[in-house]
Amino acid sequence: MDEALVKYLKQSATYKISSQILRVLSNFISMLGKIVHLSFRMLKCMFQGGVTRKELIYQCDRFGVSSLPITLSIVGMTSIIVASQVALEMVKQGGGNFVGMLMTILIVREVGAIMSGFAITSMIGSSLASELATMRVTEQIDAIDVLGVDSIGYLFVPRVLSGIIMMPIIVIIASIFGVLLGALTAKMFAGLTYIAYFDSAWLGLFMKDLWVSLLKSSVFGGTIALISCSCGFYASGGAKGVGIATTNAVVWSFISIVVWDMIFAIIFFF
């Protein structure tokens, strides 16, 4: 009777969902430990000068220039959506003089960094994970180690450094683009003049907001690159393993961006 009950429970949807959640959580904790271990090895390589300038420049171009169009598209469309919803209502309520301030604070503090992080994860993070995962399952990483080259220094350091360096630049460009599109949208939907928009844009914006945004975006970039490379580095199981590694890299990067953003909000704005 007990065996029948256990068999029945294992066939239930509750058991299957709980098992899946526990499996994902276990995999995440295991990968988190591996990422921490790789981080220390990567820092050691950085201090020992284990990165070539040519490779770093190539990865910076890949991380920044290649991803800029999709980043601008996502941040720009988000700014248009928000401005079209907010500007008209604020003008109706007599708050038109504060539309620019609201949009600028929103884009600089949150939208610019988060949406850029999501765009980078979708395009660059998935690419990094699939690239290293393919190298792992085809034993190219093993060949690098056999040749006496530190695979962490060769594969991780230039990619993570490019994320740390280029992400703030991307966020600056995307934020400026978003603020300008917000002004255009407010003009089209609510008839708000550009002078009124930009006069109020600086009322609630301080240097603290800019520095926090740059610091946050740098952390986002390094985290995305580190998680994506780690997922690809530990891939196994052929083509299926490459797909799993890429999926895990994207999902965990999204989660890490939200968690980091919450931490920064608690530290600097509460």
Protein backbone atom coordinates (compact mmCIF):
# COMPACT_ATOMS: atom_id res chain seq x y z
CA MET A 1 0.00 0.00 0.00
CA ASP A 2 2.81 2.38 0.86
CA GLU A 3 4.60 1.58 -2.39
CA ALA A 4 1.43 2.24 -4.34
CA LEU A 5 1.00 5.57 -2.55
CA VAL A 6 4.59 6.58 -3.27
CA LYS A 7 4.17 5.60 -6.92
CA TYR A 8 0.96 7.61 -7.11
CA LEU A 9 2.61 10.68 -5.54
CA LYS A 10 5.54 10.50 -7.95
CA GLN A 11 3.10 10.61 -10.85
CA SER A 12 1.37 13.72 -9.54
CA ALA A 13 1.94 17.15 -11.09
CA THR A 14 2.95 18.62 -7.71
CA TYR A 15 5.76 16.10 -7.31
CA LYS A 16 7.01 16.61 -10.85
CA ILE A 17 7.01 20.41 -10.53
CA SER A 18 8.73 20.28 -7.13
CA SER A 19 11.35 17.87 -8.44
CA GLN A 20 12.02 20.12 -11.42
CA ILE A 21 12.39 23.20 -9.20
CA LEU A 22 14.78 21.37 -6.85
CA ARG A 23 16.80 20.10 -9.81
CA VAL A 24 17.13 23.58 -11.30
CA LEU A 25 18.04 25.03 -7.88
CA SER A 26 20.65 22.33 -7.33
CA ASN A 27 22.18 22.97 -10.75
CA PHE A 28 22.22 26.69 -10.11
CA ILE A 29 23.99 26.32 -6.74
CA SER A 30 26.50 23.93 -8.28
CA MET A 31 27.21 26.30 -11.15
CA LEU A 32 27.46 29.24 -8.74
CA GLY A 33 30.25 27.46 -6.90
CA LYS A 34 32.04 26.79 -10.19
CA ILE A 35 31.66 30.45 -11.22
CA VAL A 36 33.21 31.62 -7.95
CA HIS A 37 36.12 29.21 -8.45
CA LEU A 38 36.63 30.41 -12.02
CA SER A 39 36.49 34.02 -10.84
CA PHE A 40 39.49 33.53 -8.56
CA ARG A 41 41.43 31.78 -11.32
CA MET A 42 40.53 34.57 -13.72
CA LEU A 43 41.67 37.29 -11.28
CA LYS A 44 44.97 35.47 -10.87
CA CYS A 45 45.45 35.48 -14.64
CA MET A 46 44.60 39.19 -14.81
CA PHE A 47 47.25 40.12 -12.25
CA GLN A 48 49.77 37.97 -14.10
CA GLY A 49 49.05 39.78 -17.36
CA GLY A 50 47.38 36.83 -19.04
CA VAL A 51 45.59 38.75 -21.81
CA THR A 52 46.74 40.02 -25.18
CA ARG A 53 45.77 43.48 -26.38
CA LYS A 54 44.67 42.18 -29.78
CA GLU A 55 42.24 39.67 -28.30
CA LEU A 56 40.88 42.24 -25.84
CA ILE A 57 40.23 44.74 -28.64
CA TYR A 58 38.48 42.05 -30.68
CA GLN A 59 36.21 41.09 -27.78
CA CYS A 60 35.46 44.75 -27.00
CA ASP A 61 34.42 45.28 -30.62
CA ARG A 62 32.27 42.17 -30.45
CA PHE A 63 30.72 43.09 -27.10
CA GLY A 64 30.11 46.76 -27.84
CA VAL A 65 29.89 47.59 -31.53
CA SER A 66 28.13 44.43 -32.69
CA SER A 67 25.46 44.62 -29.99
CA LEU A 68 24.78 48.36 -30.25
CA PRO A 69 21.98 48.25 -32.86
CA ILE A 70 19.80 45.78 -30.94
CA THR A 71 20.54 47.58 -27.66
CA LEU A 72 19.48 50.94 -29.07
CA SER A 73 16.37 49.35 -30.55
CA ILE A 74 15.25 47.81 -27.26
CA VAL A 75 16.03 50.85 -25.10
CA GLY A 76 14.53 53.19 -27.68
CA MET A 77 11.27 51.26 -28.02
CA THR A 78 10.96 50.99 -24.24
CA SER A 79 11.40 54.76 -23.92
CA ILE A 80 8.76 55.37 -26.60
CA ILE A 81 6.29 53.05 -24.85
CA VAL A 82 6.82 54.65 -21.44
CA ALA A 83 6.78 58.22 -22.74
CA SER A 84 3.61 57.67 -24.76
CA GLN A 85 1.83 56.37 -21.65
CA VAL A 86 3.19 58.92 -19.16
CA ALA A 87 3.47 62.21 -21.06
CA LEU A 88 -0.18 62.56 -22.08
CA GLU A 89 -1.50 61.79 -18.61
CA MET A 90 0.95 64.14 -16.88
CA VAL A 91 0.08 66.96 -19.28
CA LYS A 92 -3.64 66.39 -18.59
CA GLN A 93 -2.97 66.59 -14.83
CA GLY A 94 -0.88 69.74 -15.16
CA GLY A 95 2.45 68.01 -14.65
CA GLY A 96 3.87 68.52 -18.12
CA ASN A 97 6.87 70.40 -16.76
CA PHE A 98 8.03 67.24 -14.99
CA VAL A 99 7.82 64.77 -17.88
CA GLY A 100 11.46 65.30 -18.85
CA MET A 101 12.62 64.82 -15.27
CA LEU A 102 10.63 61.62 -14.84
CA MET A 103 11.80 60.12 -18.12
CA THR A 104 15.44 61.04 -17.53
CA ILE A 105 15.53 59.58 -14.02
CA LEU A 106 13.76 56.43 -15.17
CA ILE A 107 16.07 55.87 -18.14
CA VAL A 108 19.34 56.74 -16.39
CA ARG A 109 18.62 54.80 -13.21
CA GLU A 110 16.87 51.72 -14.58
CA VAL A 111 15.78 51.39 -18.19
CA GLY A 112 19.14 52.13 -19.82
CA ALA A 113 21.13 49.62 -17.77
CA ILE A 114 18.54 46.85 -17.45
CA MET A 115 17.33 46.83 -21.05
CA SER A 116 20.90 47.05 -22.30
CA GLY A 117 21.78 44.10 -20.07
CA PHE A 118 18.90 42.06 -21.46
CA ALA A 119 19.90 42.93 -25.03
CA ILE A 120 23.56 42.06 -24.40
CA THR A 121 22.57 38.79 -22.75
CA SER A 122 20.33 37.79 -25.65
CA MET A 123 22.94 38.50 -28.31
CA ILE A 124 26.44 38.38 -26.80
CA GLY A 125 25.87 36.20 -23.73
CA SER A 126 24.26 33.42 -25.73
CA SER A 127 27.02 33.70 -28.32
CA LEU A 128 29.77 33.39 -25.70
CA ALA A 129 28.10 30.39 -24.07
CA SER A 130 27.54 28.52 -27.33
CA GLU A 131 31.07 29.31 -28.52
CA LEU A 132 32.79 27.93 -25.42
CA ALA A 133 30.35 25.03 -25.16
CA THR A 134 31.17 24.01 -28.74
CA MET A 135 34.87 24.26 -27.94
CA ARG A 136 34.34 22.06 -24.88
CA VAL A 137 32.34 19.28 -26.58
CA THR A 138 34.76 19.23 -29.54
CA GLU A 139 37.70 19.00 -27.10
CA GLN A 140 39.30 22.25 -28.26
CA ILE A 141 39.61 23.48 -24.67
CA ASP A 142 41.34 20.23 -23.74
CA ALA A 143 43.77 20.81 -26.60
CA ILE A 144 44.51 24.31 -25.28
CA ASP A 145 45.34 22.88 -21.86
CA VAL A 146 47.53 20.16 -23.40
CA LEU A 147 49.54 22.83 -25.23
CA GLY A 148 50.35 24.40 -21.87
CA VAL A 149 48.13 27.48 -22.32
CA ASP A 150 45.94 28.52 -19.41
CA SER A 151 42.44 28.16 -20.86
CA ILE A 152 40.96 30.50 -18.24
CA GLY A 153 43.35 33.29 -19.10
CA TYR A 154 42.98 32.68 -22.82
CA LEU A 155 39.18 32.35 -22.95
CA PHE A 156 37.75 34.13 -19.91
CA VAL A 157 39.89 37.19 -19.22
CA PRO A 158 39.46 39.10 -22.52
CA ARG A 159 35.73 38.33 -22.65
CA VAL A 160 34.99 39.37 -19.08
CA LEU A 161 37.19 42.46 -19.31
CA SER A 162 35.41 43.50 -22.51
CA GLY A 163 32.08 43.23 -20.70
CA ILE A 164 33.32 45.37 -17.80
CA ILE A 165 34.82 47.99 -20.12
CA MET A 166 32.20 48.21 -22.87
CA MET A 167 28.93 47.88 -20.97
CA PRO A 168 29.09 51.41 -19.40
CA ILE A 169 29.79 52.90 -22.84
CA ILE A 170 26.82 51.07 -24.31
CA VAL A 171 24.57 52.21 -21.47
CA ILE A 172 25.63 55.86 -21.89
CA ILE A 173 24.80 55.80 -25.61
CA ALA A 174 21.55 53.89 -25.07
CA SER A 175 20.43 56.24 -22.25
CA ILE A 176 21.05 59.36 -24.35
CA PHE A 177 19.16 57.75 -27.23
CA GLY A 178 16.28 56.85 -24.91
CA VAL A 179 16.03 60.38 -23.47
CA LEU A 180 15.96 61.90 -26.96
CA LEU A 181 13.27 59.49 -28.15
CA GLY A 182 11.33 60.29 -24.98
CA ALA A 183 11.37 63.96 -25.92
CA LEU A 184 10.22 63.18 -29.46
CA THR A 185 7.42 60.94 -28.20
CA ALA A 186 6.25 63.53 -25.64
CA LYS A 187 6.12 66.09 -28.43
CA MET A 188 4.12 63.82 -30.75
CA PHE A 189 1.66 62.38 -28.23
CA ALA A 190 1.22 65.20 -25.71
CA GLY A 191 2.33 68.31 -27.60
CA LEU A 192 5.04 68.98 -25.01
CA THR A 193 7.73 71.33 -26.31
CA TYR A 194 11.35 70.26 -26.41
CA ILE A 195 12.31 73.25 -24.25
CA ALA A 196 9.88 72.21 -21.49
CA TYR A 197 11.10 68.61 -21.68
CA PHE A 198 14.83 69.33 -21.49
CA ASP A 199 14.46 72.16 -18.95
CA SER A 200 13.01 69.67 -16.48
CA ALA A 201 15.33 66.82 -17.46
CA TRP A 202 18.04 67.99 -15.06
CA LEU A 203 15.83 68.81 -12.08
CA GLY A 204 15.95 65.38 -10.47
CA LEU A 205 19.17 64.05 -11.98
CA PHE A 206 22.35 64.14 -9.92
CA MET A 207 25.92 62.94 -10.41
CA LYS A 208 25.17 60.10 -8.00
CA ASP A 209 22.64 58.72 -10.49
CA LEU A 210 25.21 58.78 -13.29
CA TRP A 211 27.95 57.12 -11.25
CA VAL A 212 25.62 54.44 -9.93
CA SER A 213 24.38 53.72 -13.45
CA LEU A 214 27.94 53.37 -14.77
CA LEU A 215 29.00 51.16 -11.85
CA LYS A 216 25.90 49.02 -12.19
CA SER A 217 26.33 48.60 -15.92
CA SER A 218 29.97 47.59 -15.47
CA VAL A 219 28.92 44.92 -12.97
CA PHE A 220 26.18 43.77 -15.38
CA GLY A 221 28.66 43.43 -18.23
CA GLY A 222 31.19 41.46 -16.21
CA THR A 223 28.49 39.21 -14.75
CA ILE A 224 26.95 38.43 -18.14
CA ALA A 225 30.32 37.54 -19.65
CA LEU A 226 31.40 35.48 -16.63
CA ILE A 227 28.17 33.47 -16.38
CA SER A 228 28.01 32.87 -20.14
CA CYS A 229 31.63 31.73 -20.35
CA SER A 230 31.24 29.52 -17.26
CA CYS A 231 28.14 27.78 -18.61
CA GLY A 232 29.90 27.10 -21.90
CA PHE A 233 33.13 26.03 -20.20
CA TYR A 234 31.38 23.28 -18.21
CA ALA A 235 29.14 22.07 -21.05
CA SER A 236 28.94 18.36 -21.84
CA GLY A 237 26.88 15.95 -23.89
CA GLY A 238 27.42 17.02 -27.48
CA ALA A 239 24.98 19.25 -29.36
CA LYS A 240 22.33 18.88 -26.66
CA GLY A 241 24.82 20.08 -24.05
CA VAL A 242 25.57 23.18 -26.15
CA GLY A 243 21.86 24.06 -26.20
CA ILE A 244 21.49 23.49 -22.46
CA ALA A 245 24.56 25.61 -21.69
CA THR A 246 23.30 28.46 -23.87
CA THR A 247 19.85 28.35 -22.28
CA ASN A 248 21.29 28.32 -18.76
CA ALA A 249 23.59 31.23 -19.59
CA VAL A 250 20.70 33.40 -20.81
CA VAL A 251 18.32 32.51 -17.96
CA TRP A 252 20.88 32.91 -15.18
CA SER A 253 22.21 36.15 -16.67
CA PHE A 254 18.66 37.57 -16.69
CA ILE A 255 18.19 36.54 -13.07
CA SER A 256 21.57 37.94 -12.03
CA ILE A 257 20.81 41.30 -13.67
CA VAL A 258 17.57 41.63 -11.71
CA VAL A 259 19.26 40.57 -8.47
CA TRP A 260 22.16 42.99 -8.96
CA ASP A 261 19.73 45.79 -9.78
CA MET A 262 17.80 45.12 -6.56
CA ILE A 263 21.05 45.17 -4.57
CA PHE A 264 22.11 48.50 -6.10
CA ALA A 265 18.66 49.99 -5.49
CA ILE A 266 18.76 48.96 -1.82
CA ILE A 267 22.30 50.24 -1.28
CA PHE A 268 22.12 53.57 -3.09
CA PHE A 269 18.46 54.67 -3.19
CA PHE A 270 16.78 53.40 0.00
